[in-house]
Amino acid sequence: MALDDTLRKKLIASVEHGFAEQIAYTQDLIRLQSVRGDEFIIQDRVFNELRNRGYAMERFDMDRGAIERHPGGSPFSDDHSRAPIVVGTHRPRDEAGRSLILQAHVDVVPPGPESLWTHPPFEPVIEGDWLYGRGGADMKAGHAANLYALDALRRIGLQPAATVYIQSVVEEESTGNGALMTHLRGYKADAVLIPEPEDEKLVRANVGVVWFQVEVRGLPVHVREMGTGANAIDAAYRIIGELRILEAEWNARKAGRPNFENEEHPINLNVGKIEGGDWESSVPAWCRIGCRVSIYPGVSAKEAAAEIEQRIAKFAREDSFLSNIPPLVTFHGFHTEGYELPPGSEAEKVLADAHLGATGKKLESFMTAGYLDTRVYALYDKIPALCYGPYSQNIHGFDERVSIASLKRITTAMTLFIVEWCGVELATPE
């Protein structure tokens, strides 16, 4: 439905009216330290917030077997979260509009040394336009926006005239299995909107991600005789050098990829963890490196993993030390494909109109070189998958923060989008 100016102004005013409460709720979510595996309490809070608003509720666990059988499933490990997925469902009296999934994740990355934060990471602080706190930008601000965009309709006596699923998932920062689980559970709609912190832009393309570990074993001796031993840490550095060459080759393959060829460095290899050795005065007998690398849409995680294994094996055969004790390569965590959003969908047009109405600016789109749950809906549900959210700084870093003014604009745009995409009817009397 096309929004008349009177209704648009009412919706903008309604978002404004509830915004202080929205910020307070976002701060409550930040205080709940939902690093991987510790999301039970925050999911209880989300469940209760949705249930108290009258949504039909479901809470369910990961189905490991179903995920492992699916081509988009990532490997499980001992670190995999066992926290449940939470879904609240709005059902209209008359299914007259187009259905929608509003999704967000509650898991956050570890904060790192607290001494390097200006404020304690899980104590949300407002300074000027910025709301600080681990996970506030990525993506508890967006999580709250899903709820409060719908609240803005209720506040003026309206509700969506179509089914809306409000999904709260885990494992977004590690495997993507939480979003995949909602797909496997059977939740599907005509479009999905995920308000990740994307600088008020629409994500046009998104890389896939592969996590892997390389273990090198050596021969320990006393350092006075180190020439007779084999230093596993030194060997691991040689492998990292070869992986950097592979990274450069993958970046060179950007040619002919419209969403990537103008990016200076679309494929990033991150050596995120390294550990090894047992004693400063012993030549180290072992070393493990943990890596994350991105892949282009259309390249399967299986294909990428095979190329990584083959490249390390070839390098090892030509290395005097590694040829005798080949390194062990294992894959864990992310094992996901990327996606590209074709331009011109009706959902994108509606979002562009909503963004213009909320910000007064034309909606821009871009490629982002990180993982996003929208890949599940784009690749497997084959529906318009819209990732669009507020300005932020330092996500995954120290002093992570989200712009409060931007969050208000995004919540307003989401509210306008819901009205135009789903249509509205009078709210069900309580």
Protein backbone atom coordinates (compact mmCIF):
# COMPACT_ATOMS: atom_id res chain seq x y z
CA MET A 1 0.00 0.00 0.00
CA ALA A 2 1.14 3.53 -0.72
CA LEU A 3 1.55 5.64 2.38
CA ASP A 4 -0.38 8.88 2.57
CA ASP A 5 1.35 11.77 4.25
CA THR A 6 -0.94 11.75 7.30
CA LEU A 7 -0.19 8.09 8.10
CA ARG A 8 3.54 8.57 7.47
CA LYS A 9 3.64 11.44 9.98
CA LYS A 10 1.73 9.37 12.55
CA LEU A 11 4.21 6.51 12.16
CA ILE A 12 7.23 8.81 12.48
CA ALA A 13 5.71 10.36 15.61
CA SER A 14 4.96 6.92 17.03
CA VAL A 15 8.58 5.78 16.60
CA GLU A 16 9.69 8.98 18.32
CA HIS A 17 7.24 8.41 21.18
CA GLY A 18 8.62 4.94 21.93
CA PHE A 19 12.26 5.63 21.22
CA ALA A 20 13.44 6.30 24.77
CA GLU A 21 11.97 2.95 25.80
CA GLN A 22 13.63 1.33 22.78
CA ILE A 23 17.04 2.67 23.82
CA ALA A 24 16.52 1.46 27.40
CA TYR A 25 15.61 -2.02 26.12
CA THR A 26 18.69 -2.03 23.87
CA GLN A 27 20.82 -1.17 26.89
CA ASP A 28 19.24 -4.06 28.81
CA LEU A 29 20.21 -6.42 25.99
CA ILE A 30 23.80 -5.14 26.00
CA ARG A 31 24.08 -5.85 29.74
CA LEU A 32 23.30 -9.53 29.08
CA GLN A 33 26.72 -10.94 28.20
CA SER A 34 25.68 -13.20 25.35
CA VAL A 35 28.99 -14.48 24.05
CA ARG A 36 28.89 -17.84 22.30
CA GLY A 37 27.25 -20.47 24.49
CA ASP A 38 25.93 -17.95 27.04
CA GLU A 39 22.81 -16.82 25.17
CA PHE A 40 20.25 -18.67 27.31
CA ILE A 41 19.35 -15.71 29.55
CA ILE A 42 19.03 -13.22 26.71
CA GLN A 43 16.88 -15.62 24.72
CA ASP A 44 14.62 -15.99 27.78
CA ARG A 45 14.34 -12.21 27.91
CA VAL A 46 13.48 -12.01 24.21
CA PHE A 47 10.94 -14.83 24.56
CA ASN A 48 9.17 -13.02 27.38
CA GLU A 49 9.17 -9.66 25.57
CA LEU A 50 7.52 -11.22 22.53
CA ARG A 51 5.08 -13.33 24.54
CA ASN A 52 4.01 -10.33 26.63
CA ARG A 53 3.06 -8.57 23.40
CA GLY A 54 0.78 -11.45 22.43
CA TYR A 55 2.84 -13.09 19.72
CA ALA A 56 2.51 -16.85 19.18
CA MET A 57 5.74 -18.29 20.54
CA GLU A 58 8.08 -21.15 19.71
CA ARG A 59 11.44 -21.98 21.21
CA PHE A 60 13.48 -24.84 19.72
CA ASP A 61 16.96 -26.35 19.73
CA MET A 62 19.42 -26.93 16.93
CA ASP A 63 18.86 -30.16 14.99
CA ARG A 64 22.47 -31.18 14.49
CA GLY A 65 21.68 -34.00 12.08
CA ALA A 66 19.49 -31.82 9.85
CA ILE A 67 22.08 -29.04 9.81
CA GLU A 68 24.94 -31.38 8.98
CA ARG A 69 22.96 -32.92 6.11
CA HIS A 70 22.21 -29.52 4.59
CA PRO A 71 24.75 -28.09 2.10
CA GLY A 72 24.67 -24.75 3.95
CA GLY A 73 25.35 -26.25 7.36
CA SER A 74 28.61 -25.52 9.18
CA PRO A 75 30.48 -28.12 11.28
CA PHE A 76 29.60 -28.55 14.94
CA SER A 77 32.26 -28.51 17.65
CA ASP A 78 32.42 -28.60 21.43
CA ASP A 79 32.13 -24.80 21.35
CA HIS A 80 28.87 -24.76 19.38
CA SER A 81 26.10 -22.95 21.25
CA ARG A 82 23.28 -25.04 22.68
CA ALA A 83 21.05 -22.04 23.34
CA PRO A 84 17.61 -22.20 21.71
CA ILE A 85 16.21 -20.29 18.76
CA VAL A 86 13.24 -18.04 19.59
CA VAL A 87 10.48 -17.11 17.13
CA GLY A 88 7.44 -14.94 17.76
CA THR A 89 4.69 -14.94 15.15
CA HIS A 90 2.16 -12.22 14.37
CA ARG A 91 -0.89 -13.55 12.56
CA PRO A 92 -3.38 -11.04 11.12
CA ARG A 93 -7.12 -11.46 11.12
CA ASP A 94 -7.12 -11.22 7.32
CA GLU A 95 -4.02 -12.33 5.41
CA ALA A 96 -4.17 -9.51 2.87
CA GLY A 97 -0.54 -8.42 2.55
CA ARG A 98 2.89 -9.93 1.96
CA SER A 99 4.55 -11.90 4.74
CA LEU A 100 7.85 -10.92 6.31
CA ILE A 101 10.67 -12.28 8.47
CA LEU A 102 12.38 -9.84 10.83
CA GLN A 103 15.54 -11.53 12.06
CA ALA A 104 18.38 -10.66 14.42
CA HIS A 105 21.09 -12.50 16.33
CA VAL A 106 21.86 -12.18 20.03
CA ASP A 107 25.35 -13.74 20.11
CA VAL A 108 28.29 -11.34 20.35
CA VAL A 109 32.04 -11.72 19.90
CA PRO A 110 34.29 -11.73 22.99
CA PRO A 111 35.18 -8.24 24.25
CA GLY A 112 38.93 -8.79 24.58
CA PRO A 113 40.94 -7.08 27.35
CA GLU A 114 38.56 -4.84 29.30
CA SER A 115 41.40 -2.42 30.04
CA LEU A 116 41.39 -1.36 26.38
CA TRP A 117 37.76 -0.20 26.53
CA THR A 118 36.88 3.37 27.52
CA HIS A 119 33.87 1.98 29.39
CA PRO A 120 33.31 -1.61 30.58
CA PRO A 121 32.13 -3.54 27.48
CA PHE A 122 28.86 -4.79 28.95
CA GLU A 123 27.88 -1.56 30.69
CA PRO A 124 26.04 0.48 28.03
CA VAL A 125 26.99 4.15 28.11
CA ILE A 126 25.59 7.02 26.06
CA GLU A 127 27.97 9.80 25.07
CA GLY A 128 26.59 12.34 22.62
CA ASP A 129 25.08 10.43 19.70
CA TRP A 130 26.82 7.15 20.52
CA LEU A 131 25.57 4.16 22.50
CA TYR A 132 28.61 2.14 23.60
CA GLY A 133 28.78 -1.54 24.47
CA ARG A 134 29.79 -4.93 23.11
CA GLY A 135 27.09 -6.14 20.76
CA GLY A 136 25.16 -2.88 20.86
CA ALA A 137 25.82 -2.23 17.19
CA ASP A 138 26.26 -5.86 16.15
CA MET A 139 23.40 -6.29 16.52
CA LYS A 140 21.31 -5.67 19.62
CA ALA A 141 20.26 -2.23 18.38
CA GLY A 142 18.82 -3.88 15.30
CA HIS A 143 17.32 -6.66 17.40
CA ALA A 144 15.38 -4.10 19.44
CA ALA A 145 14.43 -2.20 16.26
CA ASN A 146 12.61 -5.29 14.96
CA LEU A 147 10.39 -5.26 18.04
CA TYR A 148 9.88 -1.52 18.32
CA ALA A 149 9.05 -1.02 14.65
CA LEU A 150 6.06 -3.30 15.23
CA ASP A 151 5.30 -1.53 18.52
CA ALA A 152 5.09 1.76 16.59
CA LEU A 153 2.17 0.33 14.61
CA ARG A 154 0.39 -0.94 17.71
CA ARG A 155 0.74 2.42 19.38
CA ILE A 156 -1.54 3.99 16.76
CA GLY A 157 -3.96 1.06 16.67
CA LEU A 158 -2.58 -0.81 13.64
CA GLN A 159 -0.93 -4.14 12.95
CA PRO A 160 0.51 -5.85 9.83
CA ALA A 161 -2.09 -7.37 7.52
CA ALA A 162 0.22 -10.32 6.88
CA THR A 163 2.14 -12.90 8.87
CA VAL A 164 5.33 -11.56 10.43
CA TYR A 165 7.94 -13.81 12.05
CA ILE A 166 10.26 -12.16 14.60
CA GLN A 167 13.28 -14.46 14.79
CA SER A 168 16.04 -14.34 17.41
CA VAL A 169 18.96 -16.61 16.59
CA VAL A 170 22.39 -17.63 17.88
CA GLU A 171 25.56 -18.81 16.12
CA GLU A 172 25.60 -15.88 13.67
CA GLU A 173 29.14 -15.00 14.71
CA SER A 174 30.44 -18.57 14.45
CA THR A 175 28.63 -20.83 11.98
CA GLY A 176 25.42 -19.31 10.65
CA ASN A 177 23.62 -22.43 11.85
CA GLY A 178 21.02 -20.49 13.86
CA ALA A 179 19.48 -18.82 10.82
CA LEU A 180 19.74 -22.08 8.89
CA MET A 181 17.81 -23.80 11.68
CA THR A 182 14.84 -21.44 11.22
CA HIS A 183 14.84 -22.39 7.53
CA LEU A 184 14.96 -26.09 8.39
CA ARG A 185 12.16 -25.59 10.90
CA GLY A 186 9.97 -24.40 8.05
CA TYR A 187 9.74 -20.66 8.62
CA LYS A 188 9.41 -18.88 5.28
CA ALA A 189 8.01 -15.57 4.11
CA ASP A 190 7.81 -13.35 1.03
CA ALA A 191 10.85 -11.33 2.17
CA VAL A 192 13.30 -11.00 5.04
CA LEU A 193 14.76 -7.87 6.65
CA ILE A 194 17.82 -8.09 8.92
CA PRO A 195 18.92 -4.76 10.50
CA GLU A 196 22.66 -5.39 10.81
CA PRO A 197 24.85 -2.25 11.21
CA GLU A 198 25.31 -1.38 7.54
CA ASP A 199 25.58 2.44 7.58
CA GLU A 200 22.01 2.96 6.37
CA LYS A 201 22.77 1.10 3.13
CA LEU A 202 21.41 -2.06 1.55
CA VAL A 203 23.84 -4.95 1.21
CA ARG A 204 24.00 -5.91 -2.47
CA ALA A 205 26.51 -8.73 -2.14
CA ASN A 206 28.03 -10.70 0.68
CA VAL A 207 31.03 -13.04 0.80
CA GLY A 208 30.95 -16.59 2.03
CA VAL A 209 33.21 -17.53 4.94
CA VAL A 210 35.36 -20.57 5.75
CA TRP A 211 37.07 -21.21 9.08
CA PHE A 212 39.94 -23.68 9.27
CA GLN A 213 42.79 -24.76 11.50
CA VAL A 214 46.28 -25.89 10.55
CA GLU A 215 48.28 -27.97 13.02
CA VAL A 216 52.01 -28.37 12.59
CA ARG A 217 54.00 -30.94 14.53
CA GLY A 218 57.76 -30.69 15.08
CA LEU A 219 60.71 -32.33 16.79
CA PRO A 220 61.56 -30.88 20.22
CA VAL A 221 65.17 -30.51 21.32
CA HIS A 222 67.06 -28.19 23.65
CA VAL A 223 67.68 -24.78 22.11
CA ARG A 224 71.46 -25.34 22.27
CA GLU A 225 70.89 -28.06 19.63
CA MET A 226 68.03 -26.40 17.79
CA GLY A 227 69.59 -27.03 14.42
CA THR A 228 68.90 -30.73 14.89
CA GLY A 229 65.23 -30.15 15.74
CA ALA A 230 62.24 -28.87 13.81
CA ASN A 231 60.52 -25.72 15.00
CA ALA A 232 56.77 -26.08 14.50
CA ILE A 233 56.12 -22.35 15.02
CA ASP A 234 58.62 -21.39 12.30
CA ALA A 235 56.96 -23.93 10.00
CA ALA A 236 53.53 -22.46 10.74
CA TYR A 237 54.79 -19.03 9.68
CA ARG A 238 55.94 -20.52 6.38
CA ILE A 239 52.45 -21.92 5.85
CA ILE A 240 50.95 -18.50 6.62
CA GLY A 241 53.20 -17.07 3.91
CA GLU A 242 51.83 -19.56 1.40
CA LEU A 243 48.26 -18.79 2.45
CA ARG A 244 48.97 -15.09 1.80
CA ILE A 245 49.96 -16.01 -1.75
CA LEU A 246 46.68 -17.93 -2.13
CA GLU A 247 44.80 -14.92 -0.75
CA ALA A 248 46.38 -12.69 -3.41
CA GLU A 249 45.41 -15.16 -6.13
CA TRP A 250 41.80 -15.24 -4.92
CA ASN A 251 41.70 -11.44 -4.91
CA ALA A 252 42.92 -11.45 -8.52
CA ARG A 253 39.84 -13.51 -9.42
CA LYS A 254 37.62 -10.49 -8.77
CA ALA A 255 37.81 -9.59 -12.46
CA GLY A 256 34.41 -9.98 -14.09
CA ARG A 257 32.53 -9.94 -10.80
CA PRO A 258 30.49 -6.70 -10.88
CA ASN A 259 29.99 -6.43 -7.12
CA PHE A 260 33.65 -7.10 -6.36
CA GLU A 261 35.93 -6.04 -9.22
CA ASN A 262 36.09 -2.41 -8.09
CA GLU A 263 36.99 -3.36 -4.52
CA GLU A 264 40.68 -3.11 -3.71
CA HIS A 265 40.80 -6.25 -1.54
CA PRO A 266 37.48 -8.14 -1.46
CA ILE A 267 38.92 -11.43 -0.18
CA ASN A 268 40.45 -11.32 3.28
CA LEU A 269 42.42 -14.03 5.06
CA ASN A 270 42.62 -13.50 8.81
CA VAL A 271 44.99 -15.51 10.97
CA GLY A 272 42.91 -15.05 14.08
CA LYS A 273 44.55 -17.47 16.51
CA ILE A 274 47.99 -18.95 17.02
CA GLU A 275 49.25 -21.14 19.82
CA GLY A 276 52.16 -23.49 20.18
CA GLY A 277 55.10 -24.76 22.14
CA ASP A 278 55.45 -25.80 25.76
CA TRP A 279 58.66 -24.19 27.01
CA GLU A 280 60.73 -21.15 26.08
CA SER A 281 63.94 -23.16 26.06
CA SER A 282 62.62 -26.07 24.00
CA VAL A 283 62.22 -26.07 20.24
CA PRO A 284 58.42 -26.18 19.87
CA ALA A 285 56.96 -29.52 18.87
CA TRP A 286 53.56 -28.18 17.88
CA CYS A 287 51.78 -25.10 16.62
CA ARG A 288 48.15 -24.45 15.64
CA ILE A 289 46.84 -21.51 13.66
CA GLY A 290 43.15 -20.67 13.31
CA CYS A 291 42.15 -18.88 10.11
CA ARG A 292 39.15 -17.25 8.51
CA VAL A 293 38.97 -16.60 4.78
CA SER A 294 36.21 -15.16 2.61
CA ILE A 295 35.01 -16.57 -0.72
CA TYR A 296 33.06 -15.13 -3.63
CA PRO A 297 29.36 -15.84 -4.17
CA GLY A 298 29.03 -18.85 -6.44
CA VAL A 299 32.07 -20.54 -4.91
CA SER A 300 31.02 -23.29 -2.53
CA ALA A 301 32.64 -23.71 0.85
CA LYS A 302 33.45 -27.28 -0.18
CA GLU A 303 35.36 -26.08 -3.25
CA ALA A 304 37.24 -23.47 -1.24
CA ALA A 305 38.15 -25.99 1.45
CA ALA A 306 39.49 -28.42 -1.13
CA GLU A 307 41.68 -25.72 -2.68
CA ILE A 308 43.05 -24.75 0.73
CA GLU A 309 43.87 -28.36 1.59
CA GLN A 310 45.52 -28.99 -1.78
CA ARG A 311 47.57 -25.81 -1.57
CA ILE A 312 48.91 -26.57 1.91
CA ALA A 313 49.63 -30.20 0.95
CA LYS A 314 51.60 -29.11 -2.15
CA PHE A 315 53.58 -26.57 -0.12
CA ALA A 316 54.33 -29.18 2.54
CA ARG A 317 55.68 -31.65 -0.03
CA GLU A 318 58.22 -29.04 -1.13
CA ASP A 319 59.29 -28.04 2.41
CA SER A 320 62.22 -29.97 3.90
CA PHE A 321 60.59 -30.20 7.33
CA LEU A 322 56.89 -30.40 6.48
CA SER A 323 57.44 -33.10 3.85
CA ASN A 324 58.37 -35.49 6.66
CA ILE A 325 55.58 -34.47 9.05
CA PRO A 326 52.68 -33.12 6.95
CA PRO A 327 50.45 -30.51 8.63
CA LEU A 328 46.90 -31.40 9.58
CA VAL A 329 44.12 -29.18 8.16
CA THR A 330 40.67 -29.28 9.74
CA PHE A 331 37.54 -27.19 9.13
CA HIS A 332 35.30 -25.89 11.88
CA GLY A 333 32.91 -23.02 12.35
CA PHE A 334 31.82 -21.09 9.27
CA HIS A 335 31.46 -23.17 6.12
CA THR A 336 29.10 -20.90 4.22
CA GLU A 337 28.51 -19.51 0.74
CA GLY A 338 28.07 -15.89 -0.20
CA TYR A 339 25.16 -14.38 -2.08
CA GLU A 340 24.26 -11.53 -4.39
CA LEU A 341 20.97 -9.63 -4.27
CA PRO A 342 19.59 -9.07 -7.76
CA PRO A 343 18.46 -5.46 -8.19
CA GLY A 344 14.90 -4.48 -8.95
CA SER A 345 12.84 -6.64 -6.59
CA GLU A 346 9.60 -5.20 -5.28
CA ALA A 347 10.91 -5.57 -1.72
CA GLU A 348 13.94 -3.43 -2.53
CA LYS A 349 11.73 -0.77 -4.11
CA VAL A 350 9.55 -0.67 -1.00
CA LEU A 351 12.63 -0.37 1.23
CA ALA A 352 13.99 2.41 -0.96
CA ASP A 353 10.71 4.33 -0.57
CA ALA A 354 10.72 3.73 3.19
CA HIS A 355 14.34 4.87 3.48
CA LEU A 356 13.59 8.03 1.51
CA GLY A 357 10.59 8.73 3.73
CA ALA A 358 12.64 8.27 6.91
CA THR A 359 15.89 9.95 5.91
CA GLY A 360 15.11 12.15 2.92
CA LYS A 361 17.92 10.41 1.00
CA LYS A 362 18.17 7.88 -1.78
CA LEU A 363 18.95 4.33 -0.68
CA GLU A 364 22.48 3.22 -1.58
CA SER A 365 23.74 -0.35 -1.83
CA PHE A 366 27.19 -1.90 -1.46
CA MET A 367 29.19 -5.09 -1.04
CA THR A 368 30.28 -6.10 2.46
CA ALA A 369 33.15 -8.50 3.05
CA GLY A 370 31.69 -10.20 6.14
CA TYR A 371 29.24 -12.99 6.86
CA LEU A 372 25.51 -12.21 7.03
CA ASP A 373 22.57 -14.48 7.84
CA THR A 374 20.75 -13.11 4.79
CA ARG A 375 22.60 -15.79 2.80
CA VAL A 376 20.19 -18.44 4.17
CA TYR A 377 17.12 -16.70 2.79
CA ALA A 378 18.73 -15.62 -0.48
CA LEU A 379 20.23 -19.03 -1.30
CA TYR A 380 17.78 -21.53 0.16
CA ASP A 381 14.43 -19.74 0.45
CA LYS A 382 15.18 -17.74 -2.71
CA ILE A 383 13.34 -14.67 -1.43
CA PRO A 384 14.39 -11.00 -1.37
CA ALA A 385 16.91 -10.84 1.49
CA LEU A 386 17.37 -7.29 2.71
CA CYS A 387 20.21 -6.43 5.10
CA TYR A 388 19.99 -2.78 6.13
CA GLY A 389 20.79 -1.10 9.43
CA PRO A 390 22.29 1.82 11.37
CA TYR A 391 25.65 3.58 11.38
CA SER A 392 28.18 2.08 13.77
CA GLN A 393 31.85 2.12 14.65
CA ASN A 394 34.29 -0.52 15.90
CA ILE A 395 32.09 -3.59 15.64
CA HIS A 396 34.17 -6.58 16.84
CA GLY A 397 36.65 -4.03 18.23
CA PHE A 398 37.10 -1.91 21.34
CA ASP A 399 34.53 0.79 22.14
CA GLU A 400 31.93 -0.69 19.78
CA ARG A 401 29.14 1.85 19.35
CA VAL A 402 26.00 2.61 17.38
CA SER A 403 24.65 6.00 16.33
CA ILE A 404 21.43 6.80 18.21
CA ALA A 405 20.17 9.23 15.57
CA SER A 406 20.81 6.67 12.86
CA LEU A 407 19.03 3.99 14.86
CA LYS A 408 15.94 6.21 15.07
CA ARG A 409 16.02 6.75 11.31
CA ILE A 410 16.43 3.02 10.66
CA THR A 411 13.58 2.12 13.02
CA THR A 412 11.40 4.66 11.24
CA ALA A 413 12.34 3.25 7.83
CA MET A 414 11.61 -0.28 9.04
CA THR A 415 8.20 0.81 10.32
CA LEU A 416 7.36 2.43 6.99
CA PHE A 417 8.63 -0.65 5.16
CA ILE A 418 6.43 -3.00 7.22
CA VAL A 419 3.36 -0.90 6.50
CA GLU A 420 4.00 -0.77 2.75
CA TRP A 421 5.13 -4.39 2.41
CA CYS A 422 2.64 -6.13 4.68
CA GLY A 423 -0.26 -3.67 4.57
CA VAL A 424 -2.08 -2.84 7.79
CA GLU A 425 -5.33 -3.58 9.55
CA LEU A 426 -6.80 -2.41 12.83
CA ALA A 427 -4.97 -3.98 15.73
CA THR A 428 -6.59 -6.93 17.45
CA PRO A 429 -8.29 -5.72 20.64
CA GLU A 430 -6.41 -6.86 23.75
